[in-house]
């Protein structure tokens, strides 16, 4: 059986684009050290002009 973990990273507003509020590369490395496998980075278009306001990192691992 698998278990899942969801981590939301907000995107800070910039003049022309949005920038992650946290270093998602480091979050992925840390989760991997804890046995989690990255499944997907999801960025729903929920802001003006279809821009995302956050990323959602989805991880899975075998449940012990």
PDB file of N, CA and C in Angstrom:
ATOM      1  N   UNK A   1       0.842  -1.172   0.000  1.00  0.00           N
ATOM      2  CA  UNK A   1       0.000   0.000   0.000  1.00  0.00           C
ATOM      3  C   UNK A   1       0.891   1.239   0.000  1.00  0.00           C
ATOM      4  N   UNK A   2       0.436   2.297  -0.651  1.00  0.00           N
ATOM      5  CA  UNK A   2       1.185   3.545  -0.734  1.00  0.00           C
ATOM      6  C   UNK A   2       0.556   4.612   0.146  1.00  0.00           C
ATOM      7  N   UNK A   3       1.389   5.539   0.615  1.00  0.00           N
ATOM      8  CA  UNK A   3       0.901   6.729   1.297  1.00  0.00           C
ATOM      9  C   UNK A   3       1.407   7.938   0.533  1.00  0.00           C
ATOM     10  N   UNK A   4       0.697   9.041   0.662  1.00  0.00           N
ATOM     11  CA  UNK A   4       1.008  10.240  -0.113  1.00  0.00           C
ATOM     12  C   UNK A   4       1.193  11.437   0.798  1.00  0.00           C
ATOM     13  N   UNK A   5       2.020  12.364   0.332  1.00  0.00           N
ATOM     14  CA  UNK A   5       2.290  13.601   1.060  1.00  0.00           C
ATOM     15  C   UNK A   5       2.191  14.759   0.065  1.00  0.00           C
ATOM     16  N   UNK A   6       1.560  15.847   0.470  1.00  0.00           N
ATOM     17  CA  UNK A   6       1.369  17.008  -0.385  1.00  0.00           C
ATOM     18  C   UNK A   6       2.001  18.224   0.293  1.00  0.00           C
ATOM     19  N   UNK A   7       2.861  18.927  -0.429  1.00  0.00           N
ATOM     20  CA  UNK A   7       3.507  20.131   0.093  1.00  0.00           C
ATOM     21  C   UNK A   7       3.200  21.281  -0.856  1.00  0.00           C
ATOM     22  N   UNK A   8       2.642  22.355  -0.314  1.00  0.00           N
ATOM     23  CA  UNK A   8       2.293  23.518  -1.117  1.00  0.00           C
ATOM     24  C   UNK A   8       3.386  24.575  -0.988  1.00  0.00           C
ATOM     25  N   UNK A   9       3.814  25.108  -2.130  1.00  0.00           N
ATOM     26  CA  UNK A   9       4.795  26.183  -2.165  1.00  0.00           C
ATOM     27  C   UNK A   9       4.128  27.380  -2.845  1.00  0.00           C
ATOM     28  N   UNK A  10       3.944  28.439  -2.098  1.00  0.00           N
ATOM     29  CA  UNK A  10       3.333  29.639  -2.659  1.00  0.00           C
ATOM     30  C   UNK A  10       4.296  30.327  -3.617  1.00  0.00           C
ATOM     31  N   UNK A  11       3.730  31.018  -4.581  1.00  0.00           N
ATOM     32  CA  UNK A  11       4.533  31.768  -5.542  1.00  0.00           C
ATOM     33  C   UNK A  11       4.418  33.248  -5.214  1.00  0.00           C
ATOM     34  N   UNK A  12       5.559  33.890  -4.960  1.00  0.00           N
ATOM     35  CA  UNK A  12       5.580  35.325  -4.687  1.00  0.00           C
ATOM     36  C   UNK A  12       5.341  36.086  -5.972  1.00  0.00           C
ATOM     37  N   UNK A  13       4.658  37.183  -5.862  1.00  0.00           N
ATOM     38  CA  UNK A  13       4.354  37.997  -7.038  1.00  0.00           C
ATOM     39  C   UNK A  13       5.593  38.750  -7.497  1.00  0.00           C
ATOM     40  N   UNK A  14       5.806  38.750  -8.791  1.00  0.00           N
ATOM     41  CA  UNK A  14       6.852  39.536  -9.414  1.00  0.00           C
ATOM     42  C   UNK A  14       6.220  40.412 -10.476  1.00  0.00           C
ATOM     43  N   UNK A  15       7.006  41.273 -11.069  1.00  0.00           N
ATOM     44  CA  UNK A  15       6.457  42.179 -12.079  1.00  0.00           C
ATOM     45  C   UNK A  15       5.935  41.411 -13.289  1.00  0.00           C
ATOM     46  N   UNK A  16       6.743  40.521 -13.848  1.00  0.00           N
ATOM     47  CA  UNK A  16       6.326  39.777 -15.034  1.00  0.00           C
ATOM     48  C   UNK A  16       6.078  38.300 -14.771  1.00  0.00           C
ATOM     49  N   UNK A  17       6.591  37.792 -13.673  1.00  0.00           N
ATOM     50  CA  UNK A  17       6.398  36.370 -13.387  1.00  0.00           C
ATOM     51  C   UNK A  17       6.405  36.132 -11.893  1.00  0.00           C
ATOM     52  N   UNK A  18       6.002  34.946 -11.525  1.00  0.00           N
ATOM     53  CA  UNK A  18       5.966  34.573 -10.108  1.00  0.00           C
ATOM     54  C   UNK A  18       7.184  33.711  -9.776  1.00  0.00           C
ATOM     55  N   UNK A  19       7.629  33.801  -8.541  1.00  0.00           N
ATOM     56  CA  UNK A  19       8.816  33.092  -8.092  1.00  0.00           C
ATOM     57  C   UNK A  19       8.462  32.275  -6.852  1.00  0.00           C
ATOM     58  N   UNK A  20       8.928  31.026  -6.750  1.00  0.00           N
ATOM     59  CA  UNK A  20       8.618  30.211  -5.568  1.00  0.00           C
ATOM     60  C   UNK A  20       9.131  30.867  -4.289  1.00  0.00           C
ATOM     61  N   UNK A  21       8.336  30.798  -3.223  1.00  0.00           N
ATOM     62  CA  UNK A  21       8.716  31.387  -1.945  1.00  0.00           C
ATOM     63  C   UNK A  21       9.745  30.537  -1.211  1.00  0.00           C
ATOM     64  N   UNK A  22       9.913  29.279  -1.636  1.00  0.00           N
ATOM     65  CA  UNK A  22      10.882  28.367  -1.028  1.00  0.00           C
ATOM     66  C   UNK A  22      11.659  27.664  -2.136  1.00  0.00           C
ATOM     67  N   UNK A  23      12.829  27.129  -1.778  1.00  0.00           N
ATOM     68  CA  UNK A  23      13.636  26.384  -2.743  1.00  0.00           C
ATOM     69  C   UNK A  23      13.064  24.969  -2.869  1.00  0.00           C
ATOM     70  N   UNK A  24      12.280  24.757  -3.911  1.00  0.00           N
ATOM     71  CA  UNK A  24      11.629  23.448  -4.065  1.00  0.00           C
ATOM     72  C   UNK A  24      12.626  22.344  -4.359  1.00  0.00           C
ATOM     73  N   UNK A  25      13.790  22.683  -4.912  1.00  0.00           N
ATOM     74  CA  UNK A  25      14.823  21.664  -5.133  1.00  0.00           C
ATOM     75  C   UNK A  25      15.262  21.052  -3.796  1.00  0.00           C
ATOM     76  N   UNK A  26      15.474  21.909  -2.810  1.00  0.00           N
ATOM     77  CA  UNK A  26      15.896  21.426  -1.499  1.00  0.00           C
ATOM     78  C   UNK A  26      14.784  20.632  -0.816  1.00  0.00           C
ATOM     79  N   UNK A  27      13.538  21.043  -0.991  1.00  0.00           N
ATOM     80  CA  UNK A  27      12.414  20.287  -0.419  1.00  0.00           C
ATOM     81  C   UNK A  27      12.377  18.882  -1.010  1.00  0.00           C
ATOM     82  N   UNK A  28      12.575  18.773  -2.320  1.00  0.00           N
ATOM     83  CA  UNK A  28      12.566  17.455  -2.975  1.00  0.00           C
ATOM     84  C   UNK A  28      13.702  16.593  -2.444  1.00  0.00           C
ATOM     85  N   UNK A  29      14.901  17.179  -2.307  1.00  0.00           N
ATOM     86  CA  UNK A  29      16.050  16.410  -1.762  1.00  0.00           C
ATOM     87  C   UNK A  29      15.764  15.919  -0.342  1.00  0.00           C
ATOM     88  N   UNK A  30      15.220  16.802   0.491  1.00  0.00           N
ATOM     89  CA  UNK A  30      14.929  16.434   1.880  1.00  0.00           C
ATOM     90  C   UNK A  30      13.879  15.329   1.953  1.00  0.00           C
ATOM     91  N   UNK A  31      12.835  15.423   1.156  1.00  0.00           N
ATOM     92  CA  UNK A  31      11.806  14.384   1.160  1.00  0.00           C
ATOM     93  C   UNK A  31      12.377  13.048   0.673  1.00  0.00           C
ATOM     94  N   UNK A  32      13.263  13.095  -0.307  1.00  0.00           N
ATOM     95  CA  UNK A  32      13.901  11.864  -0.807  1.00  0.00           C
ATOM     96  C   UNK A  32      14.727  11.213   0.291  1.00  0.00           C
ATOM     97  N   UNK A  33      15.416  12.015   1.098  1.00  0.00           N
ATOM     98  CA  UNK A  33      16.194  11.456   2.220  1.00  0.00           C
ATOM     99  C   UNK A  33      15.281  10.755   3.220  1.00  0.00           C
ATOM    100  N   UNK A  34      14.027  11.178   3.292  1.00  0.00           N
ATOM    101  CA  UNK A  34      13.070  10.577   4.213  1.00  0.00           C
ATOM    102  C   UNK A  34      12.296   9.418   3.573  1.00  0.00           C
ATOM    103  N   UNK A  35      12.685   9.046   2.351  1.00  0.00           N
ATOM    104  CA  UNK A  35      12.063   7.894   1.703  1.00  0.00           C
ATOM    105  C   UNK A  35      10.908   8.212   0.777  1.00  0.00           C
ATOM    106  N   UNK A  36      10.618   9.491   0.559  1.00  0.00           N
ATOM    107  CA  UNK A  36       9.531   9.881  -0.327  1.00  0.00           C
ATOM    108  C   UNK A  36      10.026   9.990  -1.759  1.00  0.00           C
ATOM    109  N   UNK A  37       9.187   9.660  -2.716  1.00  0.00           N
ATOM    110  CA  UNK A  37       9.489   9.773  -4.145  1.00  0.00           C
ATOM    111  C   UNK A  37       8.574  10.823  -4.739  1.00  0.00           C
ATOM    112  N   UNK A  38       9.181  11.772  -5.473  1.00  0.00           N
ATOM    113  CA  UNK A  38       8.394  12.805  -6.121  1.00  0.00           C
ATOM    114  C   UNK A  38       7.553  12.181  -7.230  1.00  0.00           C
ATOM    115  N   UNK A  39       6.263  12.438  -7.202  1.00  0.00           N
ATOM    116  CA  UNK A  39       5.349  11.924  -8.215  1.00  0.00           C
ATOM    117  C   UNK A  39       5.042  13.013  -9.238  1.00  0.00           C
ATOM    118  N   UNK A  40       4.750  14.230  -8.751  1.00  0.00           N
ATOM    119  CA  UNK A  40       4.333  15.294  -9.657  1.00  0.00           C
ATOM    120  C   UNK A  40       4.480  16.654  -8.983  1.00  0.00           C
ATOM    121  N   UNK A  41       4.760  17.670  -9.802  1.00  0.00           N
ATOM    122  CA  UNK A  41       4.652  19.058  -9.372  1.00  0.00           C
ATOM    123  C   UNK A  41       3.447  19.624 -10.114  1.00  0.00           C
ATOM    124  N   UNK A  42       2.455  20.001  -9.344  1.00  0.00           N
ATOM    125  CA  UNK A  42       1.180  20.458  -9.903  1.00  0.00           C
ATOM    126  C   UNK A  42       1.075  21.969  -9.710  1.00  0.00           C
ATOM    127  N   UNK A  43       0.761  22.699 -10.761  1.00  0.00           N
ATOM    128  CA  UNK A  43       0.604  24.152 -10.680  1.00  0.00           C
ATOM    129  C   UNK A  43      -0.726  24.531 -11.331  1.00  0.00           C
ATOM    130  N   UNK A  44      -1.799  24.552 -10.567  1.00  0.00           N
ATOM    131  CA  UNK A  44      -3.104  24.867 -11.147  1.00  0.00           C
ATOM    132  C   UNK A  44      -3.192  26.326 -11.579  1.00  0.00           C
ATOM    133  N   UNK A  45      -3.834  26.562 -12.672  1.00  0.00           N
ATOM    134  CA  UNK A  45      -4.043  27.922 -13.164  1.00  0.00           C
ATOM    135  C   UNK A  45      -5.249  28.516 -12.446  1.00  0.00           C
ATOM    136  N   UNK A  46      -5.006  29.308 -11.428  1.00  0.00           N
ATOM    137  CA  UNK A  46      -6.104  29.848 -10.630  1.00  0.00           C
ATOM    138  C   UNK A  46      -6.048  31.361 -10.505  1.00  0.00           C
ATOM    139  N   UNK A  47      -5.107  32.009 -11.156  1.00  0.00           N
ATOM    140  CA  UNK A  47      -4.932  33.449 -11.039  1.00  0.00           C
ATOM    141  C   UNK A  47      -5.228  34.097 -12.386  1.00  0.00           C
ATOM    142  N   UNK A  48      -5.202  35.378 -12.439  1.00  0.00           N
ATOM    143  CA  UNK A  48      -5.471  36.112 -13.674  1.00  0.00           C
ATOM    144  C   UNK A  48      -4.582  35.629 -14.818  1.00  0.00           C
ATOM    145  N   UNK A  49      -5.137  35.559 -15.973  1.00  0.00           N
ATOM    146  CA  UNK A  49      -4.450  35.119 -17.193  1.00  0.00           C
ATOM    147  C   UNK A  49      -3.950  33.685 -17.093  1.00  0.00           C
ATOM    148  N   UNK A  50      -4.537  32.890 -16.231  1.00  0.00           N
ATOM    149  CA  UNK A  50      -4.190  31.477 -16.122  1.00  0.00           C
ATOM    150  C   UNK A  50      -2.913  31.194 -15.373  1.00  0.00           C
ATOM    151  N   UNK A  51      -2.393  32.153 -14.629  1.00  0.00           N
ATOM    152  CA  UNK A  51      -1.145  31.953 -13.881  1.00  0.00           C
ATOM    153  C   UNK A  51      -1.430  31.263 -12.556  1.00  0.00           C
ATOM    154  N   UNK A  52      -0.528  30.384 -12.174  1.00  0.00           N
ATOM    155  CA  UNK A  52      -0.661  29.676 -10.904  1.00  0.00           C
ATOM    156  C   UNK A  52      -0.275  30.581  -9.744  1.00  0.00           C
ATOM    157  N   UNK A  53      -0.861  30.331  -8.586  1.00  0.00           N
ATOM    158  CA  UNK A  53      -0.507  31.060  -7.363  1.00  0.00           C
ATOM    159  C   UNK A  53       0.356  30.205  -6.454  1.00  0.00           C
ATOM    160  N   UNK A  54       0.427  28.905  -6.738  1.00  0.00           N
ATOM    161  CA  UNK A  54       1.240  28.005  -5.911  1.00  0.00           C
ATOM    162  C   UNK A  54       1.603  26.768  -6.717  1.00  0.00           C
ATOM    163  N   UNK A  55       2.622  26.060  -6.223  1.00  0.00           N
ATOM    164  CA  UNK A  55       2.959  24.718  -6.708  1.00  0.00           C
ATOM    165  C   UNK A  55       2.521  23.750  -5.633  1.00  0.00           C
ATOM    166  N   UNK A  56       2.116  22.582  -6.026  1.00  0.00           N
ATOM    167  CA  UNK A  56       1.873  21.519  -5.059  1.00  0.00           C
ATOM    168  C   UNK A  56       2.765  20.358  -5.444  1.00  0.00           C
ATOM    169  N   UNK A  57       3.648  19.981  -4.536  1.00  0.00           N
ATOM    170  CA  UNK A  57       4.545  18.850  -4.756  1.00  0.00           C
ATOM    171  C   UNK A  57       3.865  17.614  -4.182  1.00  0.00           C
ATOM    172  N   UNK A  58       3.796  16.556  -4.964  1.00  0.00           N
ATOM    173  CA  UNK A  58       3.120  15.332  -4.558  1.00  0.00           C
ATOM    174  C   UNK A  58       4.166  14.229  -4.451  1.00  0.00           C
ATOM    175  N   UNK A  59       4.243  13.607  -3.277  1.00  0.00           N
ATOM    176  CA  UNK A  59       5.208  12.545  -3.004  1.00  0.00           C
ATOM    177  C   UNK A  59       4.473  11.270  -2.613  1.00  0.00           C
ATOM    178  N   UNK A  60       5.135  10.133  -2.824  1.00  0.00           N
ATOM    179  CA  UNK A  60       4.579   8.858  -2.378  1.00  0.00           C
ATOM    180  C   UNK A  60       5.684   7.976  -1.828  1.00  0.00           C
ATOM    181  N   UNK A  61       5.313   7.027  -1.015  1.00  0.00           N
ATOM    182  CA  UNK A  61       6.226   6.000  -0.521  1.00  0.00           C
ATOM    183  C   UNK A  61       5.401   4.808  -0.069  1.00  0.00           C
ATOM    184  N   UNK A  62       6.053   3.690   0.049  1.00  0.00           N
ATOM    185  CA  UNK A  62       5.379   2.491   0.527  1.00  0.00           C
ATOM    186  C   UNK A  62       5.089   2.639   2.009  1.00  0.00           C
ATOM    187  N   UNK A  63       3.859   2.378   2.394  1.00  0.00           N
ATOM    188  CA  UNK A  63       3.454   2.489   3.783  1.00  0.00           C
ATOM    189  C   UNK A  63       4.006   1.316   4.570  1.00  0.00           C
ATOM    190  N   UNK A  64       4.589   1.624   5.696  1.00  0.00           N
ATOM    191  CA  UNK A  64       5.193   0.556   6.530  1.00  0.00           C
ATOM    192  C   UNK A  64       4.214  -0.017   7.504  1.00  0.00           C
TER     193      UNK A  64
END
